[in-house]
Amino acid sequence: MSKLFNTAALCLASASPRRRELLASIGVEVEVCPVDIDETPNGGERADAYVTRLARQKASAGAGLSSLPVLGSDTAVVCDGVILGKPGDKQHAAAMLRALSGRTHQVLTAVAVSGPAGMLEVCVTTRVVMRTIAEHEIAAYWVTGEPLDKAGGYAIQGLAAIFIERIEGSHSAVVGLPLFETARLLSRQGVPLWNRACR
């Protein structure tokens, strides 16, 4: 059944169901406006600069598709200074998990929101400690299909939760959107949150 009116308060420049669900959890309805940008890192580009640049480019591209404020975001998993993207195949995914196994890595998520207040952005770093993952677990995890479209080859909110010993920082940022920081940016752009009636 189609809606009689659009209640969206924000354009999400991403097809990510995880980001849409995270925004819904803080009371923000979105209009989904996926954009297509080149996500290749520049030579020598730091991870924080990389994810911030992509978030900004996504928000800018989305601004041409909607009259609403636009949110763009990007997440990178970083191990030993190397940005781990999404695995292309089983071997690539296994290599990523072996590199992360038994070690601490960083997850960087940048958020950019274009709106009445201009372009606002933030980048959040979370440290993730993984336990040692056995080879049979790596193989079994691939079969689930979960690693294929995930940065670093794993989903902390999914089956890979059993691999995570602890995190230092924002859990929601590892999933795809740091909610505390995102809520602040949205409020500055006039986007209503769940508590708008309490203000």
N, C-alpha and C. Protein backbone atom coordinates (compact mmCIF):
# COMPACT_ATOMS: atom_id res chain seq x y z
N MET A 1 0.85 -1.20 0.00
CA MET A 1 0.00 0.00 0.00
C MET A 1 0.89 1.25 0.00
N SER A 2 0.64 2.16 -0.91
CA SER A 2 1.46 3.36 -0.99
C SER A 2 1.01 4.37 0.06
N LYS A 3 1.95 5.19 0.49
CA LYS A 3 1.64 6.22 1.47
C LYS A 3 0.97 7.41 0.79
N LEU A 4 0.06 8.07 1.49
CA LEU A 4 -0.61 9.24 0.93
C LEU A 4 0.30 10.45 0.94
N PHE A 5 1.30 10.44 1.82
CA PHE A 5 2.23 11.55 1.88
C PHE A 5 3.58 11.03 2.36
N ASN A 6 4.59 11.80 2.08
CA ASN A 6 5.94 11.40 2.44
C ASN A 6 6.32 12.06 3.76
N THR A 7 6.57 11.26 4.79
CA THR A 7 6.90 11.81 6.10
C THR A 7 8.41 11.85 6.34
N ALA A 8 9.19 11.55 5.32
CA ALA A 8 10.64 11.54 5.48
C ALA A 8 11.14 12.94 5.82
N ALA A 9 12.12 12.98 6.74
CA ALA A 9 12.72 14.25 7.13
C ALA A 9 14.15 14.37 6.66
N LEU A 10 14.66 13.29 6.06
CA LEU A 10 16.07 13.23 5.69
C LEU A 10 16.24 12.36 4.46
N CYS A 11 17.14 12.77 3.59
CA CYS A 11 17.52 11.94 2.45
C CYS A 11 18.78 11.16 2.84
N LEU A 12 18.74 9.84 2.74
CA LEU A 12 19.88 8.99 3.01
C LEU A 12 20.55 8.62 1.71
N ALA A 13 21.76 9.14 1.50
CA ALA A 13 22.47 8.90 0.25
C ALA A 13 23.20 7.55 0.30
N SER A 14 22.40 6.50 0.51
CA SER A 14 22.96 5.16 0.66
C SER A 14 21.83 4.15 0.56
N ALA A 15 22.14 2.98 0.02
CA ALA A 15 21.16 1.89 -0.03
C ALA A 15 21.32 0.96 1.16
N SER A 16 22.19 1.32 2.10
CA SER A 16 22.49 0.43 3.23
C SER A 16 21.27 0.25 4.14
N PRO A 17 20.76 -0.98 4.26
CA PRO A 17 19.65 -1.21 5.19
C PRO A 17 20.06 -1.00 6.64
N ARG A 18 21.34 -1.20 6.94
CA ARG A 18 21.81 -1.01 8.31
C ARG A 18 21.72 0.45 8.71
N ARG A 19 22.13 1.35 7.85
CA ARG A 19 22.05 2.78 8.19
C ARG A 19 20.60 3.24 8.28
N ARG A 20 19.76 2.71 7.42
CA ARG A 20 18.34 3.07 7.48
C ARG A 20 17.73 2.61 8.81
N GLU A 21 18.08 1.40 9.23
CA GLU A 21 17.56 0.88 10.50
C GLU A 21 18.10 1.68 11.70
N LEU A 22 19.35 2.07 11.64
CA LEU A 22 19.93 2.85 12.73
C LEU A 22 19.24 4.20 12.85
N LEU A 23 18.99 4.85 11.73
CA LEU A 23 18.29 6.14 11.76
C LEU A 23 16.86 5.97 12.28
N ALA A 24 16.20 4.89 11.87
CA ALA A 24 14.84 4.64 12.37
C ALA A 24 14.84 4.45 13.88
N SER A 25 15.94 3.91 14.42
CA SER A 25 15.99 3.66 15.86
C SER A 25 16.03 4.95 16.67
N ILE A 26 16.40 6.08 16.04
CA ILE A 26 16.36 7.37 16.75
C ILE A 26 15.22 8.24 16.22
N GLY A 27 14.28 7.60 15.53
CA GLY A 27 13.07 8.29 15.12
C GLY A 27 13.15 9.09 13.85
N VAL A 28 14.13 8.80 13.00
CA VAL A 28 14.30 9.57 11.76
C VAL A 28 13.84 8.73 10.57
N GLU A 29 12.79 9.19 9.91
CA GLU A 29 12.34 8.54 8.68
C GLU A 29 13.11 9.11 7.51
N VAL A 30 13.49 8.24 6.58
CA VAL A 30 14.35 8.69 5.48
C VAL A 30 13.75 8.40 4.12
N GLU A 31 14.18 9.20 3.19
CA GLU A 31 13.97 8.97 1.77
C GLU A 31 15.30 8.40 1.27
N VAL A 32 15.29 7.20 0.72
CA VAL A 32 16.53 6.56 0.30
C VAL A 32 16.90 7.03 -1.10
N CYS A 33 18.07 7.62 -1.22
CA CYS A 33 18.56 8.15 -2.50
C CYS A 33 19.98 7.65 -2.73
N PRO A 34 20.15 6.39 -3.15
CA PRO A 34 21.50 5.86 -3.36
C PRO A 34 22.25 6.68 -4.41
N VAL A 35 23.53 6.86 -4.16
CA VAL A 35 24.37 7.58 -5.11
C VAL A 35 25.55 6.68 -5.50
N ASP A 36 26.11 6.96 -6.65
CA ASP A 36 27.22 6.16 -7.16
C ASP A 36 28.46 7.04 -7.27
N ILE A 37 29.44 6.80 -6.39
CA ILE A 37 30.68 7.56 -6.45
C ILE A 37 31.87 6.61 -6.50
N ASP A 38 32.98 7.11 -6.94
CA ASP A 38 34.22 6.32 -6.98
C ASP A 38 34.77 6.22 -5.55
N GLU A 39 34.88 5.01 -5.03
CA GLU A 39 35.34 4.82 -3.66
C GLU A 39 36.80 4.38 -3.58
N THR A 40 37.57 4.65 -4.62
CA THR A 40 38.99 4.31 -4.63
C THR A 40 39.77 5.27 -3.75
N PRO A 41 40.56 4.77 -2.80
CA PRO A 41 41.39 5.68 -1.98
C PRO A 41 42.42 6.41 -2.84
N ASN A 42 42.71 7.65 -2.49
CA ASN A 42 43.78 8.37 -3.16
C ASN A 42 45.12 7.88 -2.63
N GLY A 43 46.15 8.00 -3.42
CA GLY A 43 47.47 7.55 -3.00
C GLY A 43 47.92 8.24 -1.74
N GLY A 44 48.28 7.46 -0.72
CA GLY A 44 48.77 8.02 0.53
C GLY A 44 47.70 8.64 1.41
N GLU A 45 46.44 8.47 1.06
CA GLU A 45 45.35 9.08 1.82
C GLU A 45 45.14 8.36 3.15
N ARG A 46 45.09 9.12 4.24
CA ARG A 46 44.82 8.54 5.55
C ARG A 46 43.38 8.03 5.61
N ALA A 47 43.16 7.03 6.45
CA ALA A 47 41.83 6.42 6.54
C ALA A 47 40.77 7.43 6.95
N ASP A 48 41.07 8.31 7.92
CA ASP A 48 40.07 9.28 8.36
C ASP A 48 39.73 10.27 7.25
N ALA A 49 40.75 10.68 6.49
CA ALA A 49 40.51 11.59 5.37
C ALA A 49 39.71 10.89 4.28
N TYR A 50 39.98 9.61 4.08
CA TYR A 50 39.29 8.83 3.04
C TYR A 50 37.80 8.70 3.33
N VAL A 51 37.44 8.25 4.54
CA VAL A 51 36.02 8.06 4.83
C VAL A 51 35.28 9.40 4.91
N THR A 52 35.96 10.44 5.38
CA THR A 52 35.33 11.76 5.44
C THR A 52 35.07 12.30 4.04
N ARG A 53 36.03 12.10 3.16
CA ARG A 53 35.86 12.55 1.77
C ARG A 53 34.68 11.84 1.11
N LEU A 54 34.59 10.53 1.30
CA LEU A 54 33.49 9.79 0.68
C LEU A 54 32.14 10.18 1.26
N ALA A 55 32.08 10.38 2.58
CA ALA A 55 30.83 10.80 3.21
C ALA A 55 30.38 12.15 2.65
N ARG A 56 31.33 13.06 2.51
CA ARG A 56 31.03 14.40 1.98
C ARG A 56 30.57 14.31 0.52
N GLN A 57 31.23 13.48 -0.28
CA GLN A 57 30.86 13.34 -1.68
C GLN A 57 29.47 12.74 -1.84
N LYS A 58 29.15 11.77 -0.96
CA LYS A 58 27.82 11.15 -1.01
C LYS A 58 26.74 12.17 -0.65
N ALA A 59 27.00 12.95 0.39
CA ALA A 59 26.02 13.97 0.79
C ALA A 59 25.84 15.02 -0.30
N SER A 60 26.93 15.41 -0.94
CA SER A 60 26.86 16.40 -2.02
C SER A 60 26.08 15.86 -3.21
N ALA A 61 26.35 14.60 -3.55
CA ALA A 61 25.65 13.98 -4.68
C ALA A 61 24.17 13.83 -4.37
N GLY A 62 23.84 13.46 -3.13
CA GLY A 62 22.44 13.30 -2.75
C GLY A 62 21.69 14.61 -2.74
N ALA A 63 22.39 15.70 -2.51
CA ALA A 63 21.73 17.01 -2.46
C ALA A 63 21.09 17.38 -3.80
N GLY A 64 21.60 16.78 -4.87
CA GLY A 64 21.01 17.03 -6.18
C GLY A 64 19.78 16.19 -6.46
N LEU A 65 19.45 15.29 -5.54
CA LEU A 65 18.34 14.37 -5.74
C LEU A 65 17.15 14.65 -4.84
N SER A 66 17.32 15.52 -3.84
CA SER A 66 16.26 15.74 -2.86
C SER A 66 16.32 17.17 -2.32
N SER A 67 15.17 17.66 -1.89
CA SER A 67 15.11 18.98 -1.25
C SER A 67 15.31 18.88 0.25
N LEU A 68 15.40 17.65 0.77
CA LEU A 68 15.61 17.42 2.20
C LEU A 68 17.09 17.53 2.56
N PRO A 69 17.41 17.71 3.83
CA PRO A 69 18.81 17.54 4.25
C PRO A 69 19.27 16.15 3.84
N VAL A 70 20.55 16.03 3.51
CA VAL A 70 21.08 14.76 2.99
C VAL A 70 22.21 14.25 3.87
N LEU A 71 22.14 12.97 4.21
CA LEU A 71 23.20 12.33 4.99
C LEU A 71 23.98 11.36 4.12
N GLY A 72 25.31 11.53 4.14
CA GLY A 72 26.21 10.58 3.50
C GLY A 72 27.13 10.00 4.55
N SER A 73 27.50 8.75 4.41
CA SER A 73 28.36 8.11 5.41
C SER A 73 29.23 7.07 4.75
N ASP A 74 30.36 6.80 5.38
CA ASP A 74 31.23 5.74 4.89
C ASP A 74 32.00 5.13 6.06
N THR A 75 32.25 3.84 5.98
CA THR A 75 32.93 3.11 7.04
C THR A 75 34.13 2.37 6.46
N ALA A 76 35.25 2.40 7.19
CA ALA A 76 36.43 1.65 6.79
C ALA A 76 36.98 0.88 7.98
N VAL A 77 37.41 -0.33 7.71
CA VAL A 77 38.09 -1.15 8.70
C VAL A 77 39.59 -1.03 8.41
N VAL A 78 40.36 -0.70 9.45
CA VAL A 78 41.79 -0.44 9.26
C VAL A 78 42.61 -1.36 10.15
N CYS A 79 43.54 -2.06 9.55
CA CYS A 79 44.43 -2.96 10.29
C CYS A 79 45.87 -2.68 9.85
N ASP A 80 46.71 -2.35 10.82
CA ASP A 80 48.11 -2.00 10.52
C ASP A 80 48.20 -0.87 9.50
N GLY A 81 47.27 0.08 9.59
CA GLY A 81 47.30 1.22 8.69
C GLY A 81 46.75 0.96 7.31
N VAL A 82 46.30 -0.28 7.05
CA VAL A 82 45.77 -0.64 5.73
C VAL A 82 44.25 -0.65 5.77
N ILE A 83 43.62 0.02 4.81
CA ILE A 83 42.17 0.04 4.71
C ILE A 83 41.69 -1.26 4.09
N LEU A 84 40.84 -1.98 4.82
CA LEU A 84 40.26 -3.22 4.30
C LEU A 84 38.87 -2.91 3.75
N GLY A 85 38.70 -3.12 2.47
CA GLY A 85 37.40 -2.86 1.85
C GLY A 85 36.47 -4.05 2.00
N LYS A 86 35.58 -4.21 1.05
CA LYS A 86 34.67 -5.35 1.04
C LYS A 86 35.32 -6.49 0.26
N PRO A 87 35.27 -7.70 0.79
CA PRO A 87 35.94 -8.81 0.10
C PRO A 87 35.26 -9.14 -1.23
N GLY A 88 36.09 -9.46 -2.21
CA GLY A 88 35.56 -9.79 -3.53
C GLY A 88 35.23 -11.26 -3.70
N ASP A 89 35.85 -12.09 -2.88
CA ASP A 89 35.60 -13.52 -3.00
C ASP A 89 35.98 -14.22 -1.69
N LYS A 90 35.83 -15.53 -1.66
CA LYS A 90 36.06 -16.32 -0.45
C LYS A 90 37.49 -16.17 0.05
N GLN A 91 38.45 -16.21 -0.86
CA GLN A 91 39.86 -16.11 -0.47
C GLN A 91 40.18 -14.75 0.14
N HIS A 92 39.61 -13.73 -0.45
CA HIS A 92 39.83 -12.36 0.04
C HIS A 92 39.24 -12.20 1.44
N ALA A 93 38.03 -12.71 1.63
CA ALA A 93 37.37 -12.62 2.94
C ALA A 93 38.16 -13.37 4.00
N ALA A 94 38.64 -14.56 3.64
CA ALA A 94 39.41 -15.36 4.59
C ALA A 94 40.70 -14.65 4.97
N ALA A 95 41.36 -14.03 4.00
CA ALA A 95 42.60 -13.31 4.28
C ALA A 95 42.35 -12.14 5.24
N MET A 96 41.22 -11.46 5.06
CA MET A 96 40.89 -10.35 5.96
C MET A 96 40.68 -10.85 7.38
N LEU A 97 39.91 -11.90 7.55
CA LEU A 97 39.63 -12.41 8.89
C LEU A 97 40.89 -12.95 9.55
N ARG A 98 41.78 -13.56 8.77
CA ARG A 98 43.05 -14.02 9.34
C ARG A 98 43.88 -12.84 9.84
N ALA A 99 43.84 -11.74 9.09
CA ALA A 99 44.60 -10.55 9.49
C ALA A 99 44.03 -9.93 10.76
N LEU A 100 42.71 -10.01 10.96
CA LEU A 100 42.06 -9.42 12.12
C LEU A 100 42.05 -10.36 13.33
N SER A 101 42.20 -11.64 13.09
CA SER A 101 42.08 -12.66 14.14
C SER A 101 43.07 -12.45 15.28
N GLY A 102 42.56 -12.40 16.51
CA GLY A 102 43.41 -12.28 17.69
C GLY A 102 44.06 -10.93 17.87
N ARG A 103 43.55 -9.92 17.18
CA ARG A 103 44.19 -8.61 17.21
C ARG A 103 43.18 -7.48 17.41
N THR A 104 43.71 -6.29 17.61
CA THR A 104 42.90 -5.09 17.71
C THR A 104 43.00 -4.32 16.40
N HIS A 105 41.85 -3.88 15.89
CA HIS A 105 41.86 -3.04 14.69
C HIS A 105 40.95 -1.84 14.92
N GLN A 106 40.94 -0.93 13.98
CA GLN A 106 40.13 0.27 14.08
C GLN A 106 39.02 0.26 13.03
N VAL A 107 37.88 0.77 13.42
CA VAL A 107 36.79 1.00 12.47
C VAL A 107 36.50 2.49 12.48
N LEU A 108 36.61 3.12 11.32
CA LEU A 108 36.37 4.55 11.18
C LEU A 108 35.09 4.76 10.39
N THR A 109 34.18 5.54 10.95
CA THR A 109 32.95 5.88 10.25
C THR A 109 32.80 7.39 10.22
N ALA A 110 32.65 7.92 9.02
CA ALA A 110 32.44 9.36 8.85
C ALA A 110 30.99 9.61 8.45
N VAL A 111 30.46 10.72 8.93
CA VAL A 111 29.10 11.14 8.59
C VAL A 111 29.16 12.59 8.12
N ALA A 112 28.49 12.87 7.02
CA ALA A 112 28.37 14.24 6.53
C ALA A 112 26.90 14.52 6.28
N VAL A 113 26.43 15.67 6.73
CA VAL A 113 25.03 16.04 6.53
C VAL A 113 24.99 17.41 5.86
N SER A 114 24.39 17.46 4.68
CA SER A 114 24.21 18.71 3.95
C SER A 114 22.81 19.23 4.21
N GLY A 115 22.70 20.51 4.54
CA GLY A 115 21.39 21.08 4.83
C GLY A 115 21.47 22.58 5.05
N PRO A 116 20.48 23.13 5.76
CA PRO A 116 20.44 24.59 5.98
C PRO A 116 21.68 25.15 6.66
N ALA A 117 22.34 24.34 7.49
CA ALA A 117 23.53 24.80 8.21
C ALA A 117 24.81 24.57 7.41
N GLY A 118 24.67 24.21 6.14
CA GLY A 118 25.84 23.93 5.32
C GLY A 118 26.20 22.45 5.39
N MET A 119 27.46 22.15 5.14
CA MET A 119 27.94 20.77 5.21
C MET A 119 28.58 20.55 6.58
N LEU A 120 27.98 19.67 7.37
CA LEU A 120 28.51 19.34 8.69
C LEU A 120 29.04 17.92 8.65
N GLU A 121 30.14 17.66 9.33
CA GLU A 121 30.72 16.32 9.25
C GLU A 121 31.42 15.94 10.54
N VAL A 122 31.56 14.64 10.72
CA VAL A 122 32.26 14.10 11.88
C VAL A 122 32.84 12.74 11.49
N CYS A 123 33.95 12.38 12.12
CA CYS A 123 34.55 11.06 11.90
C CYS A 123 34.80 10.43 13.26
N VAL A 124 34.34 9.20 13.44
CA VAL A 124 34.43 8.49 14.71
C VAL A 124 35.29 7.24 14.54
N THR A 125 36.23 7.05 15.47
CA THR A 125 37.09 5.87 15.45
C THR A 125 36.75 4.96 16.63
N THR A 126 36.55 3.69 16.35
CA THR A 126 36.28 2.69 17.38
C THR A 126 37.32 1.58 17.29
N ARG A 127 37.84 1.16 18.44
CA ARG A 127 38.79 0.05 18.48
C ARG A 127 38.03 -1.24 18.74
N VAL A 128 38.31 -2.24 17.93
CA VAL A 128 37.63 -3.53 18.03
C VAL A 128 38.66 -4.62 18.30
N VAL A 129 38.43 -5.39 19.36
CA VAL A 129 39.33 -6.48 19.72
C VAL A 129 38.67 -7.80 19.33
N MET A 130 39.32 -8.54 18.43
CA MET A 130 38.80 -9.84 18.01
C MET A 130 39.55 -10.96 18.72
N ARG A 131 38.82 -11.99 19.07
CA ARG A 131 39.49 -13.18 19.58
C ARG A 131 40.10 -13.93 18.41
N THR A 132 40.90 -14.93 18.70
CA THR A 132 41.46 -15.75 17.64
C THR A 132 40.34 -16.56 16.98
N ILE A 133 40.31 -16.52 15.66
CA ILE A 133 39.27 -17.21 14.90
C ILE A 133 39.89 -18.44 14.23
N ALA A 134 39.32 -19.59 14.46
CA ALA A 134 39.83 -20.83 13.88
C ALA A 134 39.53 -20.90 12.38
N GLU A 135 40.33 -21.67 11.66
CA GLU A 135 40.15 -21.79 10.21
C GLU A 135 38.77 -22.34 9.86
N HIS A 136 38.28 -23.30 10.64
CA HIS A 136 36.96 -23.86 10.31
C HIS A 136 35.85 -22.83 10.55
N GLU A 137 36.08 -21.89 11.48
CA GLU A 137 35.10 -20.83 11.70
C GLU A 137 35.11 -19.84 10.54
N ILE A 138 36.30 -19.53 10.04
CA ILE A 138 36.41 -18.63 8.90
C ILE A 138 35.68 -19.22 7.70
N ALA A 139 35.89 -20.52 7.45
CA ALA A 139 35.22 -21.18 6.33
C ALA A 139 33.71 -21.22 6.52
N ALA A 140 33.28 -21.53 7.73
CA ALA A 140 31.84 -21.60 8.01
C ALA A 140 31.18 -20.23 7.90
N TYR A 141 31.90 -19.20 8.31
CA TYR A 141 31.34 -17.85 8.26
C TYR A 141 31.11 -17.41 6.82
N TRP A 142 32.01 -17.76 5.94
CA TRP A 142 31.85 -17.41 4.53
C TRP A 142 30.56 -18.02 3.95
N VAL A 143 30.27 -19.25 4.33
CA VAL A 143 29.11 -19.96 3.81
C VAL A 143 27.80 -19.24 4.18
N THR A 144 27.80 -18.48 5.29
CA THR A 144 26.59 -17.77 5.70
C THR A 144 26.23 -16.65 4.73
N GLY A 145 27.19 -16.19 3.95
CA GLY A 145 26.95 -15.09 3.02
C GLY A 145 27.11 -13.71 3.64
N GLU A 146 27.31 -13.67 4.93
CA GLU A 146 27.37 -12.38 5.63
C GLU A 146 28.60 -11.52 5.29
N PRO A 147 29.76 -12.11 5.04
CA PRO A 147 30.95 -11.26 4.84
C PRO A 147 30.98 -10.47 3.53
N LEU A 148 30.22 -10.89 2.54
CA LEU A 148 30.43 -10.41 1.17
C LEU A 148 30.33 -8.91 0.99
N ASP A 149 29.36 -8.25 1.62
CA ASP A 149 29.19 -6.80 1.40
C ASP A 149 29.56 -5.98 2.62
N LYS A 150 30.45 -6.53 3.45
CA LYS A 150 30.83 -5.85 4.70
C LYS A 150 32.29 -5.42 4.66
N ALA A 151 32.55 -4.18 5.05
CA ALA A 151 33.93 -3.71 5.17
C ALA A 151 34.67 -4.58 6.18
N GLY A 152 35.84 -5.05 5.81
CA GLY A 152 36.61 -5.92 6.69
C GLY A 152 36.16 -7.36 6.66
N GLY A 153 35.07 -7.64 5.94
CA GLY A 153 34.61 -9.02 5.81
C GLY A 153 33.83 -9.57 6.97
N TYR A 154 33.29 -8.68 7.84
CA TYR A 154 32.49 -9.18 8.96
C TYR A 154 31.43 -8.16 9.36
N ALA A 155 30.38 -8.66 10.04
CA ALA A 155 29.30 -7.80 10.54
C ALA A 155 29.20 -7.97 12.04
N ILE A 156 29.53 -6.91 12.78
CA ILE A 156 29.51 -6.99 14.25
C ILE A 156 28.09 -7.20 14.77
N GLN A 157 27.08 -6.75 14.00
CA GLN A 157 25.69 -6.88 14.43
C GLN A 157 25.10 -8.22 14.01
N GLY A 158 25.90 -9.04 13.35
CA GLY A 158 25.40 -10.33 12.85
C GLY A 158 26.09 -11.51 13.53
N LEU A 159 26.33 -12.54 12.74
CA LEU A 159 26.90 -13.77 13.27
C LEU A 159 28.32 -13.59 13.79
N ALA A 160 29.03 -12.60 13.26
CA ALA A 160 30.42 -12.37 13.68
C ALA A 160 30.51 -11.79 15.08
N ALA A 161 29.38 -11.50 15.72
CA ALA A 161 29.42 -10.99 17.09
C ALA A 161 30.16 -11.94 18.02
N ILE A 162 30.15 -13.23 17.72
CA ILE A 162 30.83 -14.19 18.60
C ILE A 162 32.34 -14.10 18.48
N PHE A 163 32.84 -13.38 17.47
CA PHE A 163 34.29 -13.20 17.31
C PHE A 163 34.81 -11.98 18.07
N ILE A 164 33.91 -11.12 18.53
CA ILE A 164 34.32 -9.84 19.11
C ILE A 164 34.47 -9.96 20.62
N GLU A 165 35.70 -9.77 21.09
CA GLU A 165 35.97 -9.84 22.52
C GLU A 165 35.47 -8.58 23.23
N ARG A 166 35.77 -7.43 22.63
CA ARG A 166 35.28 -6.16 23.19
C ARG A 166 35.50 -5.05 22.17
N ILE A 167 34.81 -3.92 22.43
CA ILE A 167 35.05 -2.73 21.62
C ILE A 167 35.31 -1.56 22.54
N GLU A 168 36.03 -0.59 22.04
CA GLU A 168 36.31 0.65 22.76
C GLU A 168 35.83 1.79 21.88
N GLY A 169 34.62 2.28 22.20
CA GLY A 169 34.05 3.34 21.38
C GLY A 169 32.60 3.05 21.05
N SER A 170 32.17 3.46 19.86
CA SER A 170 30.77 3.40 19.46
C SER A 170 30.44 2.10 18.74
N HIS A 171 29.53 1.31 19.32
CA HIS A 171 29.08 0.08 18.66
C HIS A 171 28.33 0.41 17.38
N SER A 172 27.44 1.42 17.43
CA SER A 172 26.65 1.75 16.25
C SER A 172 27.52 2.25 15.11
N ALA A 173 28.67 2.87 15.43
CA ALA A 173 29.59 3.31 14.37
C ALA A 173 30.17 2.13 13.62
N VAL A 174 30.43 1.05 14.33
CA VAL A 174 30.96 -0.15 13.68
C VAL A 174 29.89 -0.77 12.78
N VAL A 175 28.64 -0.69 13.21
CA VAL A 175 27.53 -1.18 12.38
C VAL A 175 27.38 -0.32 11.13
N GLY A 176 27.62 0.99 11.25
CA GLY A 176 27.53 1.84 10.07
C GLY A 176 27.20 3.29 10.30
N LEU A 177 26.85 3.68 11.56
CA LEU A 177 26.49 5.07 11.82
C LEU A 177 26.63 5.36 13.31
N PRO A 178 27.51 6.29 13.71
CA PRO A 178 27.63 6.64 15.13
C PRO A 178 26.44 7.50 15.55
N LEU A 179 25.51 6.91 16.29
CA LEU A 179 24.23 7.58 16.53
C LEU A 179 24.33 8.83 17.39
N PHE A 180 25.19 8.82 18.40
CA PHE A 180 25.32 10.01 19.25
C PHE A 180 25.76 11.21 18.42
N GLU A 181 26.81 11.03 17.65
CA GLU A 181 27.35 12.13 16.85
C GLU A 181 26.40 12.49 15.70
N THR A 182 25.77 11.48 15.10
CA THR A 182 24.83 11.73 14.00
C THR A 182 23.64 12.55 14.48
N ALA A 183 23.12 12.22 15.66
CA ALA A 183 21.98 12.97 16.21
C ALA A 183 22.32 14.44 16.39
N ARG A 184 23.53 14.71 16.82
CA ARG A 184 23.95 16.11 16.99
C ARG A 184 23.96 16.85 15.65
N LEU A 185 24.49 16.20 14.62
CA LEU A 185 24.53 16.84 13.31
C LEU A 185 23.12 17.07 12.78
N LEU A 186 22.25 16.07 12.93
CA LEU A 186 20.89 16.20 12.43
C LEU A 186 20.14 17.32 13.14
N SER A 187 20.34 17.43 14.45
CA SER A 187 19.67 18.50 15.20
C SER A 187 20.12 19.87 14.70
N ARG A 188 21.39 19.99 14.39
CA ARG A 188 21.91 21.28 13.88
C ARG A 188 21.33 21.60 12.50
N GLN A 189 20.91 20.57 11.77
CA GLN A 189 20.31 20.78 10.44
C GLN A 189 18.79 20.87 10.51
N GLY A 190 18.24 20.82 11.74
CA GLY A 190 16.79 20.94 11.89
C GLY A 190 16.01 19.67 11.61
N VAL A 191 16.70 18.53 11.56
CA VAL A 191 16.01 17.25 11.32
C VAL A 191 15.45 16.75 12.64
N PRO A 192 14.14 16.50 12.73
CA PRO A 192 13.54 16.07 13.99
C PRO A 192 13.94 14.65 14.37
N LEU A 193 14.20 14.45 15.67
CA LEU A 193 14.50 13.14 16.22
C LEU A 193 13.31 12.68 17.04
N TRP A 194 13.41 11.51 17.64
CA TRP A 194 12.27 10.96 18.40
C TRP A 194 11.84 11.86 19.55
N ASN A 195 12.78 12.63 20.12
CA ASN A 195 12.46 13.43 21.31
C ASN A 195 12.08 14.86 20.98
N ARG A 196 11.69 15.11 19.74
CA ARG A 196 11.40 16.50 19.33
C ARG A 196 10.28 17.13 20.15
N ALA A 197 9.34 16.28 20.63
CA ALA A 197 8.22 16.82 21.40
C ALA A 197 8.63 17.17 22.84
N CYS A 198 9.81 16.73 23.23
CA CYS A 198 10.26 16.97 24.61
C CYS A 198 11.08 18.24 24.73
N ARG A 199 11.37 18.89 23.62
CA ARG A 199 12.24 20.05 23.67
C ARG A 199 11.46 21.32 23.94
